[in-house]
PDB file of N, CA and C in Angstrom:
ATOM      1  N   MET A   1      -9.910  10.631  36.424  1.00  0.00           N
ATOM      2  CA  MET A   1      -9.006  10.695  37.581  1.00  0.00           C
ATOM      3  C   MET A   1      -7.711   9.950  37.259  1.00  0.00           C
ATOM      4  N   ASP A   2      -6.578  10.591  37.517  1.00  0.00           N
ATOM      5  CA  ASP A   2      -5.304   9.948  37.194  1.00  0.00           C
ATOM      6  C   ASP A   2      -4.960   8.905  38.261  1.00  0.00           C
ATOM      7  N   PRO A   3      -4.109   7.942  37.904  1.00  0.00           N
ATOM      8  CA  PRO A   3      -3.778   6.837  38.822  1.00  0.00           C
ATOM      9  C   PRO A   3      -3.226   7.314  40.157  1.00  0.00           C
ATOM     10  N   PHE A   4      -2.444   8.396  40.137  1.00  0.00           N
ATOM     11  CA  PHE A   4      -1.845   8.877  41.381  1.00  0.00           C
ATOM     12  C   PHE A   4      -2.913   9.298  42.380  1.00  0.00           C
ATOM     13  N   THR A   5      -3.914  10.022  41.881  1.00  0.00           N
ATOM     14  CA  THR A   5      -5.004  10.467  42.760  1.00  0.00           C
ATOM     15  C   THR A   5      -5.735   9.267  43.339  1.00  0.00           C
ATOM     16  N   THR A   6      -5.964   8.256  42.501  1.00  0.00           N
ATOM     17  CA  THR A   6      -6.641   7.045  42.958  1.00  0.00           C
ATOM     18  C   THR A   6      -5.835   6.373  44.063  1.00  0.00           C
ATOM     19  N   LEU A   7      -4.523   6.258  43.848  1.00  0.00           N
ATOM     20  CA  LEU A   7      -3.642   5.660  44.859  1.00  0.00           C
ATOM     21  C   LEU A   7      -3.691   6.456  46.156  1.00  0.00           C
ATOM     22  N   GLN A   8      -3.614   7.766  46.022  1.00  0.00           N
ATOM     23  CA  GLN A   8      -3.610   8.635  47.196  1.00  0.00           C
ATOM     24  C   GLN A   8      -4.885   8.425  48.007  1.00  0.00           C
ATOM     25  N   MET A   9      -6.014   8.347  47.318  1.00  0.00           N
ATOM     26  CA  MET A   9      -7.283   8.138  48.001  1.00  0.00           C
ATOM     27  C   MET A   9      -7.293   6.784  48.705  1.00  0.00           C
ATOM     28  N   ALA A  10      -6.751   5.771  48.035  1.00  0.00           N
ATOM     29  CA  ALA A  10      -6.716   4.435  48.623  1.00  0.00           C
ATOM     30  C   ALA A  10      -5.871   4.433  49.892  1.00  0.00           C
ATOM     31  N   PHE A  11      -4.728   5.119  49.845  1.00  0.00           N
ATOM     32  CA  PHE A  11      -3.855   5.167  51.022  1.00  0.00           C
ATOM     33  C   PHE A  11      -4.518   5.919  52.167  1.00  0.00           C
ATOM     34  N   GLU A  12      -5.206   7.018  51.841  1.00  0.00           N
ATOM     35  CA  GLU A  12      -5.895   7.773  52.887  1.00  0.00           C
ATOM     36  C   GLU A  12      -6.944   6.902  53.551  1.00  0.00           C
ATOM     37  N   GLN A  13      -7.661   6.142  52.751  1.00  0.00           N
ATOM     38  CA  GLN A  13      -8.682   5.243  53.284  1.00  0.00           C
ATOM     39  C   GLN A  13      -8.034   4.201  54.187  1.00  0.00           C
ATOM     40  N   ARG A  14      -6.906   3.658  53.723  1.00  0.00           N
ATOM     41  CA  ARG A  14      -6.199   2.620  54.480  1.00  0.00           C
ATOM     42  C   ARG A  14      -5.684   3.183  55.803  1.00  0.00           C
ATOM     43  N   ASN A  15      -5.113   4.371  55.755  1.00  0.00           N
ATOM     44  CA  ASN A  15      -4.594   4.985  56.978  1.00  0.00           C
ATOM     45  C   ASN A  15      -5.715   5.251  57.972  1.00  0.00           C
ATOM     46  N   ARG A  16      -6.859   5.676  57.470  1.00  0.00           N
ATOM     47  CA  ARG A  16      -8.002   5.942  58.335  1.00  0.00           C
ATOM     48  C   ARG A  16      -8.423   4.636  59.013  1.00  0.00           C
ATOM     49  N   THR A  17      -8.451   3.562  58.229  1.00  0.00           N
ATOM     50  CA  THR A  17      -8.838   2.257  58.766  1.00  0.00           C
ATOM     51  C   THR A  17      -7.850   1.814  59.828  1.00  0.00           C
ATOM     52  N   LEU A  18      -6.547   1.999  59.553  1.00  0.00           N
ATOM     53  CA  LEU A  18      -5.514   1.587  60.505  1.00  0.00           C
ATOM     54  C   LEU A  18      -5.626   2.375  61.802  1.00  0.00           C
ATOM     55  N   SER A  19      -5.838   3.686  61.698  1.00  0.00           N
ATOM     56  CA  SER A  19      -5.873   4.507  62.905  1.00  0.00           C
ATOM     57  C   SER A  19      -7.150   4.248  63.697  1.00  0.00           C
ATOM     58  N   ASN A  20      -8.210   3.788  63.027  1.00  0.00           N
ATOM     59  CA  ASN A  20      -9.457   3.512  63.733  1.00  0.00           C
ATOM     60  C   ASN A  20      -9.369   2.226  64.538  1.00  0.00           C
ATOM     61  N   SER A  21      -8.666   1.223  64.018  1.00  0.00           N
ATOM     62  CA  SER A  21      -8.528  -0.023  64.759  1.00  0.00           C
ATOM     63  C   SER A  21      -7.391   0.121  65.756  1.00  0.00           C
ATOM     64  N   SER A  22      -7.408  -0.708  66.779  1.00  0.00           N
ATOM     65  CA  SER A  22      -6.383  -0.568  67.820  1.00  0.00           C
ATOM     66  C   SER A  22      -5.050  -1.081  67.318  1.00  0.00           C
ATOM     67  N   ASN A  23      -3.984  -0.391  67.692  1.00  0.00           N
ATOM     68  CA  ASN A  23      -2.648  -0.758  67.231  1.00  0.00           C
ATOM     69  C   ASN A  23      -2.222  -2.115  67.753  1.00  0.00           C
ATOM     70  N   ASP A  24      -2.728  -2.504  68.923  1.00  0.00           N
ATOM     71  CA  ASP A  24      -2.363  -3.799  69.499  1.00  0.00           C
ATOM     72  C   ASP A  24      -2.743  -4.924  68.543  1.00  0.00           C
ATOM     73  N   ASP A  25      -3.925  -4.823  67.950  1.00  0.00           N
ATOM     74  CA  ASP A  25      -4.374  -5.854  67.017  1.00  0.00           C
ATOM     75  C   ASP A  25      -3.409  -5.956  65.845  1.00  0.00           C
ATOM     76  N   ILE A  26      -3.029  -4.807  65.290  1.00  0.00           N
ATOM     77  CA  ILE A  26      -2.134  -4.791  64.135  1.00  0.00           C
ATOM     78  C   ILE A  26      -0.790  -5.394  64.512  1.00  0.00           C
ATOM     79  N   ASP A  27      -0.278  -5.013  65.685  1.00  0.00           N
ATOM     80  CA  ASP A  27       1.009  -5.539  66.145  1.00  0.00           C
ATOM     81  C   ASP A  27       0.969  -7.047  66.296  1.00  0.00           C
ATOM     82  N   SER A  28      -0.100  -7.556  66.909  1.00  0.00           N
ATOM     83  CA  SER A  28      -0.164  -8.994  67.148  1.00  0.00           C
ATOM     84  C   SER A  28      -0.295  -9.743  65.832  1.00  0.00           C
ATOM     85  N   ILE A  29      -1.023  -9.177  64.876  1.00  0.00           N
ATOM     86  CA  ILE A  29      -1.143  -9.815  63.560  1.00  0.00           C
ATOM     87  C   ILE A  29       0.227  -9.864  62.897  1.00  0.00           C
ATOM     88  N   ASP A  30       0.974  -8.746  62.957  1.00  0.00           N
ATOM     89  CA  ASP A  30       2.312  -8.702  62.362  1.00  0.00           C
ATOM     90  C   ASP A  30       3.226  -9.719  63.021  1.00  0.00           C
ATOM     91  N   ARG A  31       3.170  -9.804  64.347  1.00  0.00           N
ATOM     92  CA  ARG A  31       4.034 -10.751  65.061  1.00  0.00           C
ATOM     93  C   ARG A  31       3.709 -12.174  64.656  1.00  0.00           C
ATOM     94  N   ARG A  32       2.416 -12.457  64.496  1.00  0.00           N
ATOM     95  CA  ARG A  32       2.022 -13.809  64.093  1.00  0.00           C
ATOM     96  C   ARG A  32       2.557 -14.117  62.701  1.00  0.00           C
ATOM     97  N   LYS A  33       2.457 -13.134  61.795  1.00  0.00           N
ATOM     98  CA  LYS A  33       2.976 -13.319  60.434  1.00  0.00           C
ATOM     99  C   LYS A  33       4.467 -13.595  60.469  1.00  0.00           C
ATOM    100  N   VAL A  34       5.201 -12.812  61.254  1.00  0.00           N
ATOM    101  CA  VAL A  34       6.653 -12.978  61.350  1.00  0.00           C
ATOM    102  C   VAL A  34       6.983 -14.353  61.898  1.00  0.00           C
ATOM    103  N   ALA A  35       6.282 -14.764  62.945  1.00  0.00           N
ATOM    104  CA  ALA A  35       6.535 -16.074  63.554  1.00  0.00           C
ATOM    105  C   ALA A  35       6.285 -17.182  62.540  1.00  0.00           C
ATOM    106  N   ARG A  36       5.186 -17.069  61.788  1.00  0.00           N
ATOM    107  CA  ARG A  36       4.852 -18.088  60.798  1.00  0.00           C
ATOM    108  C   ARG A  36       5.929 -18.131  59.717  1.00  0.00           C
ATOM    109  N   TYR A  37       6.392 -16.945  59.301  1.00  0.00           N
ATOM    110  CA  TYR A  37       7.423 -16.869  58.260  1.00  0.00           C
ATOM    111  C   TYR A  37       8.723 -17.492  58.753  1.00  0.00           C
ATOM    112  N   ARG A  38       9.096 -17.183  60.003  1.00  0.00           N
ATOM    113  CA  ARG A  38      10.329 -17.749  60.574  1.00  0.00           C
ATOM    114  C   ARG A  38      10.241 -19.266  60.611  1.00  0.00           C
ATOM    115  N   GLU A  39       9.093 -19.792  61.026  1.00  0.00           N
ATOM    116  CA  GLU A  39       8.920 -21.248  61.081  1.00  0.00           C
ATOM    117  C   GLU A  39       9.122 -21.843  59.702  1.00  0.00           C
ATOM    118  N   LYS A  40       8.517 -21.211  58.704  1.00  0.00           N
ATOM    119  CA  LYS A  40       8.619 -21.707  57.331  1.00  0.00           C
ATOM    120  C   LYS A  40      10.075 -21.722  56.880  1.00  0.00           C
ATOM    121  N   VAL A  41      10.773 -20.622  57.133  1.00  0.00           N
ATOM    122  CA  VAL A  41      12.175 -20.509  56.726  1.00  0.00           C
ATOM    123  C   VAL A  41      13.024 -21.556  57.444  1.00  0.00           C
ATOM    124  N   ASN A  42      12.788 -21.721  58.750  1.00  0.00           N
ATOM    125  CA  ASN A  42      13.549 -22.707  59.518  1.00  0.00           C
ATOM    126  C   ASN A  42      13.334 -24.109  58.973  1.00  0.00           C
ATOM    127  N   VAL A  43      12.112 -24.434  58.632  1.00  0.00           N
ATOM    128  CA  VAL A  43      11.805 -25.756  58.080  1.00  0.00           C
ATOM    129  C   VAL A  43      12.560 -25.941  56.772  1.00  0.00           C
ATOM    130  N   GLU A  44      12.561 -24.896  55.937  1.00  0.00           N
ATOM    131  CA  GLU A  44      13.242 -25.002  54.643  1.00  0.00           C
ATOM    132  C   GLU A  44      14.737 -25.209  54.831  1.00  0.00           C
ATOM    133  N   TYR A  45      15.334 -24.527  55.808  1.00  0.00           N
ATOM    134  CA  TYR A  45      16.779 -24.654  56.021  1.00  0.00           C
ATOM    135  C   TYR A  45      17.133 -25.992  56.659  1.00  0.00           C
ATOM    136  N   ASP A  46      16.235 -26.531  57.476  1.00  0.00           N
ATOM    137  CA  ASP A  46      16.512 -27.809  58.145  1.00  0.00           C
ATOM    138  C   ASP A  46      16.607 -28.948  57.145  1.00  0.00           C
ATOM    139  N   ASN A  47      15.797 -28.885  56.110  1.00  0.00           N
ATOM    140  CA  ASN A  47      15.731 -30.020  55.171  1.00  0.00           C
ATOM    141  C   ASN A  47      16.927 -30.068  54.248  1.00  0.00           C
TER     142      ASN A  47
END
């Protein structure tokens, strides 16, 4: 199996997983990541 096919299968699996879980969970996880990143950046700029 060539690498492209393997990647394609992995993405299909990932998309299936994403669509099966509720979007609210994904959104809140992303927001938390962004908030944590912003805090980190702000701390770095303050010093």
